N, C-alpha and C. Protein backbone atom coordinates (compact mmCIF):
# COMPACT_ATOMS: atom_id res chain seq x y z
N UNK A 1 32.93 -26.75 24.08
CA UNK A 1 32.08 -25.70 24.56
C UNK A 1 30.66 -26.15 24.72
N UNK A 2 30.45 -25.53 25.83
CA UNK A 2 28.83 -25.93 26.56
C UNK A 2 27.90 -24.83 25.85
N UNK A 3 26.83 -25.19 25.14
CA UNK A 3 25.79 -24.27 24.61
C UNK A 3 24.42 -24.75 25.68
N UNK A 4 23.86 -23.50 25.88
CA UNK A 4 22.72 -23.63 26.77
C UNK A 4 21.48 -24.07 26.01
N UNK A 5 20.89 -25.30 26.19
CA UNK A 5 19.81 -25.80 25.65
C UNK A 5 18.46 -25.28 26.43
N UNK A 6 17.61 -24.75 25.79
CA UNK A 6 16.45 -24.29 26.37
C UNK A 6 15.76 -25.16 26.94
N UNK A 7 15.60 -26.51 26.29
CA UNK A 7 14.66 -27.50 26.98
C UNK A 7 15.19 -28.39 27.93
N UNK A 8 16.61 -28.05 28.27
CA UNK A 8 17.07 -28.62 29.40
C UNK A 8 16.73 -28.09 30.79
N UNK A 9 16.54 -26.83 30.71
CA UNK A 9 16.36 -26.38 32.28
C UNK A 9 14.91 -25.41 32.12
N UNK A 10 14.13 -25.71 33.09
CA UNK A 10 12.68 -25.30 33.10
C UNK A 10 12.64 -23.70 33.14
N UNK A 11 13.40 -23.21 34.01
CA UNK A 11 13.51 -21.73 33.95
C UNK A 11 14.04 -21.11 32.58
N UNK A 12 14.97 -21.76 32.39
CA UNK A 12 15.40 -21.11 30.79
C UNK A 12 14.37 -21.17 29.86
N UNK A 13 13.64 -22.51 29.84
CA UNK A 13 12.44 -22.64 28.68
C UNK A 13 11.61 -21.52 29.06
N UNK A 14 11.22 -21.21 30.34
CA UNK A 14 10.13 -20.44 30.45
C UNK A 14 10.73 -18.78 30.26
N UNK A 15 11.97 -18.62 30.30
CA UNK A 15 12.31 -17.29 30.00
C UNK A 15 12.41 -17.19 28.28
N UNK A 16 12.93 -18.11 27.85
CA UNK A 16 12.82 -18.31 26.38
C UNK A 16 11.47 -18.09 25.86
N UNK A 17 10.52 -18.66 26.35
CA UNK A 17 8.96 -18.36 25.93
C UNK A 17 8.53 -16.95 26.16
N UNK A 18 8.83 -16.39 27.15
CA UNK A 18 8.47 -15.03 27.62
C UNK A 18 9.24 -14.13 26.56
N UNK A 19 10.44 -14.21 26.12
CA UNK A 19 11.14 -13.64 25.25
C UNK A 19 10.63 -13.49 24.06
N UNK A 20 10.08 -14.83 23.43
CA UNK A 20 9.51 -15.00 22.33
C UNK A 20 8.41 -14.24 22.16
N UNK A 21 7.40 -14.46 23.18
CA UNK A 21 5.97 -13.76 23.17
C UNK A 21 6.27 -12.30 23.08
N UNK A 22 7.33 -11.65 23.87
CA UNK A 22 7.44 -10.41 23.68
C UNK A 22 7.72 -9.81 22.44
N UNK A 23 8.79 -10.64 21.62
CA UNK A 23 9.17 -10.27 20.28
C UNK A 23 8.15 -10.18 19.46
N UNK A 24 7.13 -11.47 19.46
CA UNK A 24 6.01 -11.53 18.70
C UNK A 24 5.21 -10.46 18.81
N UNK A 25 4.99 -9.97 19.93
CA UNK A 25 4.03 -9.03 20.33
C UNK A 25 4.42 -7.45 19.75
N UNK A 26 5.67 -7.38 19.82
CA UNK A 26 6.55 -6.03 19.20
C UNK A 26 6.16 -6.22 17.79
N UNK A 27 6.46 -7.32 17.05
CA UNK A 27 6.26 -7.45 15.62
C UNK A 27 4.91 -7.27 15.23
N UNK A 28 3.89 -7.79 15.81
CA UNK A 28 2.45 -7.66 15.60
C UNK A 28 2.20 -6.16 15.67
N UNK A 29 2.44 -5.46 16.79
CA UNK A 29 2.07 -4.10 17.02
C UNK A 29 2.76 -3.23 15.89
N UNK A 30 3.97 -3.55 15.40
CA UNK A 30 4.86 -2.77 14.50
C UNK A 30 3.94 -2.93 13.13
N UNK A 31 3.62 -3.96 12.84
CA UNK A 31 2.97 -4.53 11.60
C UNK A 31 1.56 -3.84 11.63
N UNK A 32 0.86 -3.87 12.70
CA UNK A 32 -0.51 -3.34 12.92
C UNK A 32 -0.65 -1.64 12.79
N UNK A 33 0.62 -1.17 13.00
CA UNK A 33 0.80 0.44 13.04
C UNK A 33 1.05 0.83 11.70
N UNK A 34 1.45 0.05 10.77
CA UNK A 34 1.87 0.61 9.49
C UNK A 34 0.60 0.51 8.51
N UNK A 35 0.49 1.88 8.08
CA UNK A 35 -0.69 1.86 7.00
C UNK A 35 -0.28 1.39 5.86
N UNK A 36 -1.05 1.10 5.00
CA UNK A 36 -0.89 0.88 3.46
C UNK A 36 -0.81 2.11 2.78
N UNK A 37 -0.20 1.98 1.43
CA UNK A 37 -0.05 3.23 0.69
C UNK A 37 -1.45 3.85 0.59
N UNK A 38 -2.35 2.90 0.12
CA UNK A 38 -3.89 3.25 -0.09
C UNK A 38 -4.38 3.95 1.03
N UNK A 39 -4.05 3.36 2.26
CA UNK A 39 -4.72 4.13 3.46
C UNK A 39 -4.07 5.46 3.79
N UNK A 40 -2.80 5.65 3.34
CA UNK A 40 -2.22 6.98 3.47
C UNK A 40 -2.58 7.95 2.48
N UNK A 41 -3.16 7.66 1.40
CA UNK A 41 -3.55 8.57 0.31
C UNK A 41 -4.43 9.57 1.05
N UNK A 42 -4.47 10.98 0.42
CA UNK A 42 -5.43 11.90 0.79
C UNK A 42 -6.86 11.57 0.60
N UNK A 43 -7.66 12.09 1.30
CA UNK A 43 -9.18 11.72 0.79
C UNK A 43 -9.61 12.30 -0.52
N UNK A 44 -9.04 13.26 -0.88
CA UNK A 44 -9.31 13.94 -2.20
C UNK A 44 -8.69 13.09 -3.45
N UNK A 45 -7.78 12.46 -3.07
CA UNK A 45 -7.20 11.72 -4.19
C UNK A 45 -7.86 10.31 -4.35
N UNK A 46 -8.35 9.67 -3.20
CA UNK A 46 -9.23 8.66 -2.99
C UNK A 46 -10.55 9.07 -3.83
N UNK A 47 -11.07 10.07 -3.63
CA UNK A 47 -12.47 10.53 -4.22
C UNK A 47 -12.13 10.55 -5.73
N UNK A 48 -10.98 11.32 -6.17
CA UNK A 48 -10.64 11.42 -7.60
C UNK A 48 -10.54 10.06 -8.20
N UNK A 49 -9.95 9.17 -7.54
CA UNK A 49 -9.62 7.75 -8.22
C UNK A 49 -11.10 7.16 -8.32
N UNK A 50 -11.93 7.20 -7.37
CA UNK A 50 -13.12 6.71 -7.46
C UNK A 50 -14.29 7.33 -8.17
N UNK A 51 -14.18 8.39 -8.71
CA UNK A 51 -15.08 9.30 -9.39
C UNK A 51 -15.83 8.68 -10.33
N UNK A 52 -17.12 8.88 -10.61
CA UNK A 52 -17.82 8.27 -11.75
C UNK A 52 -17.24 8.52 -13.08
N UNK A 53 -16.34 9.61 -13.27
CA UNK A 53 -15.79 9.78 -14.33
C UNK A 53 -14.85 8.60 -14.84
N UNK A 54 -14.21 8.05 -13.81
CA UNK A 54 -13.33 6.90 -14.05
C UNK A 54 -14.10 5.44 -14.25
N UNK A 55 -15.23 5.49 -14.31
CA UNK A 55 -16.08 4.48 -14.55
C UNK A 55 -15.58 3.66 -15.66
N UNK A 56 -15.03 4.20 -16.77
CA UNK A 56 -14.62 3.53 -17.97
C UNK A 56 -13.20 2.90 -18.02
N UNK A 57 -12.72 3.40 -16.70
CA UNK A 57 -11.31 2.66 -16.58
C UNK A 57 -11.26 1.94 -15.37
N UNK A 58 -12.34 1.23 -15.05
CA UNK A 58 -12.65 0.45 -13.68
C UNK A 58 -11.49 -0.51 -13.50
N UNK A 59 -11.17 -1.08 -14.52
CA UNK A 59 -10.14 -2.23 -14.40
C UNK A 59 -8.88 -1.60 -13.96
N UNK A 60 -8.41 -0.41 -14.51
CA UNK A 60 -7.24 0.21 -14.13
C UNK A 60 -7.40 0.62 -12.65
N UNK A 61 -8.38 1.26 -12.34
CA UNK A 61 -8.66 1.74 -10.94
C UNK A 61 -8.41 0.78 -9.87
N UNK A 62 -8.93 -0.57 -10.34
CA UNK A 62 -9.22 -1.64 -9.44
C UNK A 62 -7.66 -2.07 -9.14
N UNK A 63 -6.98 -2.20 -10.35
CA UNK A 63 -5.60 -2.45 -10.03
C UNK A 63 -4.68 -1.67 -9.31
N UNK A 64 -5.08 -0.44 -9.55
CA UNK A 64 -4.36 0.61 -8.71
C UNK A 64 -4.45 0.51 -7.19
N UNK A 65 -5.99 0.28 -6.91
CA UNK A 65 -6.39 0.20 -5.52
C UNK A 65 -5.79 -1.17 -4.88
N UNK A 66 -5.92 -2.09 -5.53
CA UNK A 66 -5.44 -3.33 -5.06
C UNK A 66 -3.89 -3.46 -4.67
N UNK A 67 -3.06 -2.91 -5.76
CA UNK A 67 -1.71 -2.83 -5.57
C UNK A 67 -1.27 -1.83 -4.29
N UNK A 68 -1.97 -0.67 -4.23
CA UNK A 68 -1.67 0.26 -3.12
C UNK A 68 -2.19 -0.21 -1.68
N UNK A 69 -3.37 -1.11 -1.81
CA UNK A 69 -4.07 -1.52 -0.56
C UNK A 69 -3.03 -2.73 -0.10
N UNK A 70 -2.28 -3.20 -0.81
CA UNK A 70 -1.43 -4.52 -0.32
C UNK A 70 -0.05 -4.17 -0.05
N UNK A 71 0.37 -2.84 -0.12
CA UNK A 71 1.59 -2.37 -0.08
C UNK A 71 1.84 -1.38 0.81
N UNK A 72 2.77 -1.65 1.85
CA UNK A 72 3.07 -0.85 2.81
C UNK A 72 4.37 0.33 2.31
N UNK A 73 5.13 -0.23 1.82
CA UNK A 73 6.22 0.82 1.49
C UNK A 73 6.33 0.91 -0.12
N UNK A 74 6.59 2.11 -0.75
CA UNK A 74 6.86 2.44 -2.19
C UNK A 74 7.91 1.76 -2.75
N UNK A 75 9.03 1.10 -1.96
CA UNK A 75 10.02 0.54 -2.72
C UNK A 75 9.56 -0.89 -3.06
N UNK A 76 8.37 -1.48 -2.34
CA UNK A 76 7.61 -2.66 -2.73
C UNK A 76 6.79 -2.77 -3.74
N UNK A 77 6.38 -1.71 -4.40
CA UNK A 77 5.71 -1.65 -5.67
C UNK A 77 6.40 -2.17 -6.70
N UNK A 78 5.78 -3.02 -7.59
CA UNK A 78 6.34 -3.62 -8.88
C UNK A 78 6.50 -2.52 -9.93
N UNK A 79 7.49 -2.75 -10.74
CA UNK A 79 7.77 -1.73 -11.93
C UNK A 79 6.42 -1.61 -12.90
N UNK A 80 5.77 -2.80 -12.93
CA UNK A 80 4.50 -2.75 -13.70
C UNK A 80 3.36 -2.02 -13.05
N UNK A 81 3.13 -2.08 -11.77
CA UNK A 81 2.40 -1.51 -11.02
C UNK A 81 2.45 0.14 -11.23
N UNK A 82 3.89 0.63 -10.91
CA UNK A 82 4.20 2.08 -11.19
C UNK A 82 3.82 2.44 -12.59
N UNK A 83 4.26 1.77 -13.43
CA UNK A 83 3.97 2.00 -14.98
C UNK A 83 2.20 2.28 -15.39
N UNK A 84 1.57 1.12 -14.69
CA UNK A 84 0.02 1.32 -14.81
C UNK A 84 -0.33 2.86 -14.23
N UNK A 85 0.24 3.15 -13.15
CA UNK A 85 -0.03 4.35 -12.36
C UNK A 85 0.28 5.69 -13.30
N UNK A 86 1.45 5.45 -13.90
CA UNK A 86 1.81 6.60 -14.61
C UNK A 86 0.96 6.72 -15.85
N UNK A 87 0.71 5.73 -16.66
CA UNK A 87 -0.04 5.58 -17.85
C UNK A 87 -1.55 6.46 -17.56
N UNK A 88 -2.18 5.77 -16.60
CA UNK A 88 -3.43 6.28 -15.74
C UNK A 88 -3.26 7.92 -15.90
N UNK A 89 -2.41 8.22 -14.94
CA UNK A 89 -2.35 9.72 -14.74
C UNK A 89 -1.92 10.57 -15.89
N UNK A 90 -1.21 10.23 -16.90
CA UNK A 90 -0.85 10.83 -18.00
C UNK A 90 -2.36 10.96 -18.70
N UNK A 91 -3.13 9.88 -18.79
CA UNK A 91 -4.42 9.78 -19.60
C UNK A 91 -5.47 10.91 -18.96
N UNK A 92 -5.50 10.61 -17.63
CA UNK A 92 -6.30 11.64 -16.88
C UNK A 92 -5.78 13.17 -17.07
N UNK A 93 -4.54 13.30 -17.10
CA UNK A 93 -3.94 14.90 -17.36
C UNK A 93 -4.39 15.21 -18.78
N UNK A 94 -4.26 14.34 -19.75
CA UNK A 94 -4.53 14.64 -21.02
C UNK A 94 -6.03 14.99 -21.18
N UNK A 95 -6.91 14.10 -20.69
CA UNK A 95 -8.41 14.68 -20.59
C UNK A 95 -8.55 15.76 -20.07
N UNK A 96 -7.98 16.02 -18.81
CA UNK A 96 -8.09 17.39 -18.15
C UNK A 96 -7.90 18.58 -19.11
N UNK A 97 -6.67 18.52 -19.87
CA UNK A 97 -6.19 19.56 -20.60
C UNK A 97 -7.18 19.45 -21.99
N UNK A 98 -7.53 18.55 -22.43
CA UNK A 98 -8.66 18.39 -23.52
C UNK A 98 -9.61 19.12 -23.04
N UNK A 99 -10.23 18.88 -21.90
CA UNK A 99 -11.37 19.61 -21.43
C UNK A 99 -11.41 20.89 -21.12
N UNK A 100 -10.07 21.52 -20.80
CA UNK A 100 -9.90 22.98 -20.73
C UNK A 100 -10.01 23.70 -22.12
N UNK A 101 -9.35 22.92 -23.06
CA UNK A 101 -9.06 23.43 -24.57
C UNK A 101 -10.57 23.61 -24.89
N UNK A 102 -11.36 22.56 -24.84
CA UNK A 102 -12.75 22.43 -25.09
C UNK A 102 -13.43 23.54 -24.52
N UNK A 103 -13.34 24.09 -23.57
CA UNK A 103 -13.99 25.33 -22.80
C UNK A 103 -13.47 26.56 -23.19
N UNK A 104 -12.13 26.72 -23.69
CA UNK A 104 -11.61 27.79 -24.09
C UNK A 104 -11.77 28.06 -25.46
N UNK A 105 -11.58 27.17 -26.34
CA UNK A 105 -11.63 27.15 -27.88
C UNK A 105 -13.10 26.70 -28.22
N UNK A 106 -13.92 27.50 -28.83
CA UNK A 106 -15.14 26.88 -29.48
C UNK A 106 -15.07 27.00 -30.81
N UNK A 107 -15.65 25.85 -31.41
CA UNK A 107 -15.66 25.72 -33.06
C UNK A 107 -17.08 26.04 -33.62
């Protein structure tokens, strides 16, 4: 059986290079058009994440931003990252609820 060797025929070699260039361009355009999870966050979520109230949780915020900024698909997030987000959100929810209780109940 005869296999076409791209190096043996200059025309075939040129066609192969053109095809490879086209494929590379398509891949690069596809990768450039995909936004990271962080880039897709709503502005109000980003503002809340970076609010001065979260200064005491700066290490957690930095970790969340780093993971979301380097990930395009949710399925690519590590379980430890998702666990950190859940813990952070629960903590923020509890602070919010306690804040409401403090304004409703006066001692």
